N, C-alpha and C. Protein backbone atom coordinates (compact mmCIF):
# COMPACT_ATOMS: atom_id res chain seq x y z
N MET A 1 -7.49 -27.15 12.68
CA MET A 1 -6.07 -27.09 12.96
C MET A 1 -5.34 -27.92 11.90
N MET A 2 -4.29 -27.35 11.37
CA MET A 2 -3.51 -28.05 10.35
C MET A 2 -2.46 -28.94 11.00
N THR A 3 -2.23 -30.05 10.35
CA THR A 3 -1.17 -30.94 10.83
C THR A 3 0.18 -30.37 10.41
N LEU A 4 1.24 -30.93 10.97
CA LEU A 4 2.59 -30.46 10.65
C LEU A 4 2.90 -30.59 9.15
N PRO A 5 2.59 -31.72 8.49
CA PRO A 5 2.85 -31.79 7.05
C PRO A 5 2.05 -30.73 6.26
N GLN A 6 0.81 -30.48 6.67
CA GLN A 6 0.02 -29.45 5.98
C GLN A 6 0.65 -28.07 6.17
N GLN A 7 1.14 -27.79 7.35
CA GLN A 7 1.80 -26.52 7.61
C GLN A 7 3.06 -26.37 6.76
N LEU A 8 3.84 -27.44 6.67
CA LEU A 8 5.07 -27.39 5.88
C LEU A 8 4.77 -27.20 4.39
N VAL A 9 3.77 -27.88 3.89
CA VAL A 9 3.38 -27.72 2.49
C VAL A 9 2.89 -26.30 2.24
N THR A 10 2.11 -25.74 3.16
CA THR A 10 1.61 -24.38 3.02
C THR A 10 2.76 -23.38 2.99
N ILE A 11 3.71 -23.54 3.90
CA ILE A 11 4.87 -22.64 3.94
C ILE A 11 5.68 -22.77 2.66
N ALA A 12 5.89 -23.99 2.19
CA ALA A 12 6.66 -24.21 0.96
C ALA A 12 5.96 -23.57 -0.24
N LEU A 13 4.64 -23.72 -0.34
CA LEU A 13 3.91 -23.12 -1.45
C LEU A 13 3.96 -21.60 -1.40
N CYS A 14 3.85 -21.04 -0.21
CA CYS A 14 3.94 -19.58 -0.08
C CYS A 14 5.33 -19.08 -0.48
N ALA A 15 6.36 -19.78 -0.05
CA ALA A 15 7.72 -19.40 -0.42
C ALA A 15 7.93 -19.53 -1.92
N LEU A 16 7.42 -20.59 -2.52
CA LEU A 16 7.55 -20.78 -3.96
C LEU A 16 6.82 -19.69 -4.73
N ALA A 17 5.62 -19.34 -4.30
CA ALA A 17 4.86 -18.28 -4.97
C ALA A 17 5.57 -16.94 -4.84
N THR A 18 6.14 -16.67 -3.67
CA THR A 18 6.87 -15.41 -3.48
C THR A 18 8.09 -15.36 -4.38
N LEU A 19 8.85 -16.42 -4.42
CA LEU A 19 10.03 -16.45 -5.29
C LEU A 19 9.65 -16.34 -6.76
N ALA A 20 8.58 -16.99 -7.15
CA ALA A 20 8.14 -16.93 -8.56
C ALA A 20 7.77 -15.50 -8.95
N THR A 21 7.06 -14.79 -8.06
CA THR A 21 6.67 -13.42 -8.41
C THR A 21 7.87 -12.49 -8.41
N ARG A 22 8.93 -12.83 -7.71
CA ARG A 22 10.13 -11.99 -7.71
C ARG A 22 11.01 -12.24 -8.94
N PHE A 23 11.14 -13.48 -9.34
CA PHE A 23 12.05 -13.82 -10.42
C PHE A 23 11.41 -13.86 -11.81
N LEU A 24 10.11 -14.10 -11.87
CA LEU A 24 9.44 -14.23 -13.17
C LEU A 24 9.58 -13.00 -14.06
N PRO A 25 9.44 -11.78 -13.55
CA PRO A 25 9.62 -10.62 -14.43
C PRO A 25 11.01 -10.55 -15.05
N PHE A 26 12.03 -10.96 -14.30
CA PHE A 26 13.39 -10.93 -14.84
C PHE A 26 13.58 -12.00 -15.91
N LEU A 27 12.90 -13.14 -15.74
CA LEU A 27 12.99 -14.18 -16.75
C LEU A 27 12.24 -13.79 -18.02
N ILE A 28 11.11 -13.12 -17.86
CA ILE A 28 10.30 -12.75 -19.03
C ILE A 28 10.88 -11.54 -19.75
N PHE A 29 11.26 -10.49 -18.98
CA PHE A 29 11.68 -9.24 -19.59
C PHE A 29 13.17 -8.98 -19.47
N GLY A 30 13.93 -9.95 -18.97
CA GLY A 30 15.35 -9.74 -18.76
C GLY A 30 16.14 -9.72 -20.06
N GLY A 31 17.41 -9.58 -19.91
CA GLY A 31 18.29 -9.57 -21.08
C GLY A 31 18.29 -8.23 -21.76
N LYS A 32 18.47 -8.26 -23.05
CA LYS A 32 18.58 -7.02 -23.81
C LYS A 32 17.30 -6.66 -24.55
N LYS A 33 16.23 -7.40 -24.26
CA LYS A 33 14.96 -7.10 -24.91
C LYS A 33 14.38 -5.82 -24.31
N PRO A 34 13.80 -4.95 -25.13
CA PRO A 34 13.17 -3.74 -24.58
C PRO A 34 11.88 -4.11 -23.85
N THR A 35 11.57 -3.34 -22.82
CA THR A 35 10.35 -3.56 -22.06
C THR A 35 9.15 -3.17 -22.93
N PRO A 36 8.14 -4.05 -23.01
CA PRO A 36 6.96 -3.73 -23.84
C PRO A 36 6.28 -2.44 -23.37
N ARG A 37 5.64 -1.77 -24.34
CA ARG A 37 5.00 -0.48 -24.05
C ARG A 37 3.89 -0.61 -23.01
N TYR A 38 3.12 -1.71 -23.03
CA TYR A 38 2.02 -1.84 -22.07
C TYR A 38 2.54 -2.02 -20.65
N ILE A 39 3.70 -2.63 -20.49
CA ILE A 39 4.30 -2.76 -19.16
C ILE A 39 4.80 -1.40 -18.69
N GLN A 40 5.37 -0.60 -19.58
CA GLN A 40 5.78 0.75 -19.23
C GLN A 40 4.57 1.60 -18.84
N TYR A 41 3.47 1.43 -19.59
CA TYR A 41 2.24 2.16 -19.27
C TYR A 41 1.71 1.77 -17.89
N LEU A 42 1.68 0.47 -17.61
CA LEU A 42 1.21 0.02 -16.29
C LEU A 42 2.11 0.54 -15.18
N GLY A 43 3.40 0.63 -15.43
CA GLY A 43 4.32 1.16 -14.44
C GLY A 43 4.06 2.63 -14.13
N LYS A 44 3.47 3.34 -15.09
CA LYS A 44 3.17 4.76 -14.87
C LYS A 44 1.81 4.97 -14.20
N VAL A 45 0.82 4.17 -14.54
CA VAL A 45 -0.54 4.44 -14.05
C VAL A 45 -0.92 3.65 -12.79
N LEU A 46 -0.32 2.50 -12.57
CA LEU A 46 -0.72 1.68 -11.42
C LEU A 46 -0.40 2.30 -10.05
N PRO A 47 0.74 2.95 -9.84
CA PRO A 47 0.97 3.52 -8.51
C PRO A 47 -0.12 4.51 -8.08
N GLY A 48 -0.53 5.39 -8.97
CA GLY A 48 -1.60 6.33 -8.63
C GLY A 48 -2.93 5.63 -8.41
N ALA A 49 -3.22 4.63 -9.21
CA ALA A 49 -4.48 3.90 -9.05
C ALA A 49 -4.50 3.12 -7.74
N ILE A 50 -3.38 2.54 -7.38
CA ILE A 50 -3.31 1.79 -6.12
C ILE A 50 -3.45 2.75 -4.94
N PHE A 51 -2.80 3.90 -5.03
CA PHE A 51 -2.91 4.89 -3.95
C PHE A 51 -4.36 5.34 -3.80
N ALA A 52 -5.04 5.59 -4.91
CA ALA A 52 -6.45 6.00 -4.85
C ALA A 52 -7.31 4.90 -4.23
N MET A 53 -7.03 3.66 -4.58
CA MET A 53 -7.77 2.54 -4.01
C MET A 53 -7.54 2.45 -2.50
N LEU A 54 -6.32 2.69 -2.06
CA LEU A 54 -6.02 2.67 -0.63
C LEU A 54 -6.76 3.78 0.12
N VAL A 55 -6.86 4.95 -0.48
CA VAL A 55 -7.59 6.06 0.15
C VAL A 55 -9.06 5.69 0.30
N VAL A 56 -9.65 5.15 -0.75
CA VAL A 56 -11.06 4.75 -0.68
C VAL A 56 -11.25 3.66 0.37
N TYR A 57 -10.34 2.70 0.41
CA TYR A 57 -10.43 1.62 1.39
C TYR A 57 -10.33 2.17 2.82
N CYS A 58 -9.40 3.09 3.04
CA CYS A 58 -9.21 3.62 4.39
C CYS A 58 -10.38 4.49 4.85
N LEU A 59 -11.06 5.11 3.92
CA LEU A 59 -12.16 6.01 4.29
C LEU A 59 -13.54 5.38 4.14
N ARG A 60 -13.62 4.09 3.88
CA ARG A 60 -14.88 3.44 3.59
C ARG A 60 -15.87 3.48 4.76
N ASN A 61 -15.38 3.45 5.98
CA ASN A 61 -16.27 3.41 7.14
C ASN A 61 -16.38 4.75 7.87
N VAL A 62 -15.87 5.80 7.28
CA VAL A 62 -15.91 7.12 7.91
C VAL A 62 -17.31 7.71 7.73
N THR A 63 -17.89 8.15 8.84
CA THR A 63 -19.19 8.82 8.79
C THR A 63 -19.02 10.24 9.32
N PRO A 64 -18.94 11.22 8.44
CA PRO A 64 -18.65 12.58 8.87
C PRO A 64 -19.77 13.24 9.68
N LEU A 65 -20.96 12.66 9.70
CA LEU A 65 -22.08 13.27 10.42
C LEU A 65 -22.24 12.73 11.83
N THR A 66 -21.37 11.82 12.25
CA THR A 66 -21.47 11.26 13.60
C THR A 66 -20.10 11.24 14.26
N GLY A 67 -20.06 11.01 15.54
CA GLY A 67 -18.81 10.84 16.28
C GLY A 67 -17.92 12.06 16.22
N ASN A 68 -16.66 11.85 15.87
CA ASN A 68 -15.69 12.94 15.83
C ASN A 68 -15.67 13.66 14.48
N HIS A 69 -16.66 13.39 13.64
CA HIS A 69 -16.84 14.06 12.35
C HIS A 69 -15.64 13.88 11.42
N ALA A 70 -14.98 12.74 11.51
CA ALA A 70 -13.88 12.36 10.62
C ALA A 70 -12.67 13.28 10.76
N LEU A 71 -12.53 13.95 11.89
CA LEU A 71 -11.39 14.85 12.08
C LEU A 71 -10.04 14.14 12.07
N PRO A 72 -9.88 13.00 12.74
CA PRO A 72 -8.56 12.34 12.67
C PRO A 72 -8.18 11.96 11.24
N GLU A 73 -9.13 11.48 10.48
CA GLU A 73 -8.86 11.09 9.10
C GLU A 73 -8.47 12.29 8.25
N LEU A 74 -9.21 13.39 8.39
CA LEU A 74 -8.92 14.59 7.60
C LEU A 74 -7.57 15.19 7.98
N ILE A 75 -7.25 15.21 9.26
CA ILE A 75 -5.95 15.74 9.69
C ILE A 75 -4.82 14.85 9.16
N ALA A 76 -4.99 13.53 9.25
CA ALA A 76 -3.95 12.61 8.77
C ALA A 76 -3.78 12.73 7.26
N ILE A 77 -4.86 12.90 6.53
CA ILE A 77 -4.76 13.09 5.08
C ILE A 77 -4.02 14.38 4.77
N ALA A 78 -4.33 15.44 5.50
CA ALA A 78 -3.65 16.72 5.28
C ALA A 78 -2.15 16.60 5.57
N VAL A 79 -1.80 15.88 6.63
CA VAL A 79 -0.38 15.67 6.95
C VAL A 79 0.30 14.86 5.85
N THR A 80 -0.37 13.82 5.38
CA THR A 80 0.19 12.98 4.31
C THR A 80 0.44 13.80 3.05
N VAL A 81 -0.56 14.56 2.64
CA VAL A 81 -0.41 15.40 1.44
C VAL A 81 0.67 16.45 1.65
N GLY A 82 0.67 17.10 2.83
CA GLY A 82 1.68 18.13 3.10
C GLY A 82 3.09 17.57 3.07
N LEU A 83 3.29 16.41 3.72
CA LEU A 83 4.61 15.79 3.69
C LEU A 83 5.03 15.41 2.28
N HIS A 84 4.08 14.92 1.50
CA HIS A 84 4.43 14.52 0.14
C HIS A 84 4.79 15.72 -0.73
N LEU A 85 4.03 16.80 -0.59
CA LEU A 85 4.35 18.00 -1.37
C LEU A 85 5.68 18.61 -0.93
N TRP A 86 6.00 18.47 0.37
CA TRP A 86 7.23 19.06 0.90
C TRP A 86 8.46 18.23 0.54
N LYS A 87 8.41 16.92 0.79
CA LYS A 87 9.60 16.07 0.63
C LYS A 87 9.59 15.18 -0.61
N ARG A 88 8.42 14.94 -1.16
CA ARG A 88 8.31 14.05 -2.35
C ARG A 88 8.86 12.66 -2.09
N GLN A 89 8.63 12.14 -0.88
CA GLN A 89 9.05 10.79 -0.54
C GLN A 89 7.82 10.01 -0.08
N THR A 90 7.43 9.06 -0.87
CA THR A 90 6.19 8.33 -0.62
C THR A 90 6.19 7.63 0.73
N LEU A 91 7.27 6.95 1.05
CA LEU A 91 7.33 6.22 2.32
C LEU A 91 7.20 7.17 3.51
N LEU A 92 7.88 8.30 3.45
CA LEU A 92 7.78 9.29 4.52
C LEU A 92 6.36 9.83 4.63
N SER A 93 5.73 10.09 3.51
CA SER A 93 4.37 10.62 3.51
C SER A 93 3.39 9.64 4.14
N ILE A 94 3.45 8.39 3.72
CA ILE A 94 2.53 7.39 4.24
C ILE A 94 2.81 7.13 5.72
N ALA A 95 4.07 6.98 6.09
CA ALA A 95 4.42 6.73 7.49
C ALA A 95 4.03 7.91 8.37
N GLY A 96 4.28 9.11 7.92
CA GLY A 96 3.93 10.30 8.70
C GLY A 96 2.44 10.41 8.93
N GLY A 97 1.66 10.22 7.87
CA GLY A 97 0.21 10.27 8.00
C GLY A 97 -0.33 9.18 8.91
N THR A 98 0.26 8.00 8.80
CA THR A 98 -0.17 6.88 9.65
C THR A 98 0.12 7.16 11.12
N VAL A 99 1.32 7.66 11.41
CA VAL A 99 1.70 7.96 12.79
C VAL A 99 0.78 9.05 13.37
N VAL A 100 0.53 10.09 12.59
CA VAL A 100 -0.36 11.16 13.07
C VAL A 100 -1.76 10.61 13.33
N TYR A 101 -2.27 9.80 12.43
CA TYR A 101 -3.60 9.22 12.63
C TYR A 101 -3.66 8.37 13.89
N MET A 102 -2.66 7.51 14.07
CA MET A 102 -2.66 6.63 15.24
C MET A 102 -2.57 7.44 16.54
N LEU A 103 -1.75 8.47 16.54
CA LEU A 103 -1.64 9.32 17.73
C LEU A 103 -2.96 10.04 18.02
N LEU A 104 -3.58 10.55 16.98
CA LEU A 104 -4.85 11.25 17.16
C LEU A 104 -5.92 10.31 17.71
N VAL A 105 -6.01 9.12 17.15
CA VAL A 105 -7.05 8.17 17.58
C VAL A 105 -6.78 7.67 18.99
N GLN A 106 -5.51 7.44 19.33
CA GLN A 106 -5.19 6.89 20.64
C GLN A 106 -5.17 7.93 21.76
N LEU A 107 -4.74 9.16 21.44
CA LEU A 107 -4.52 10.15 22.48
C LEU A 107 -5.52 11.30 22.52
N VAL A 108 -6.12 11.64 21.39
CA VAL A 108 -6.96 12.83 21.34
C VAL A 108 -8.44 12.50 21.18
N PHE A 109 -8.78 11.71 20.19
CA PHE A 109 -10.19 11.46 19.90
C PHE A 109 -10.67 10.16 20.48
């Protein structure tokens, strides 16, 4: 159990780290300087790579040969892909797939 001073220091450090990660890019790349090419490249490739990593993470414990044969996961993935192809809104796609998965797991499977 942490003491009150330890808790306050932990909260202060977390707040400082959060603020630093929010303001540091503006301090480094702000003003009229052009954004470096490698930062532009990372801005293009990282969203897809992170999404792929999330898919692998979410499906890591799925065993298609046992239980419900991964049907809730496959249906939720299909809904996510369908919503994304239809509306092209990432937040809607992820939220829709998550809601469908939770409903399937809680109510059907």
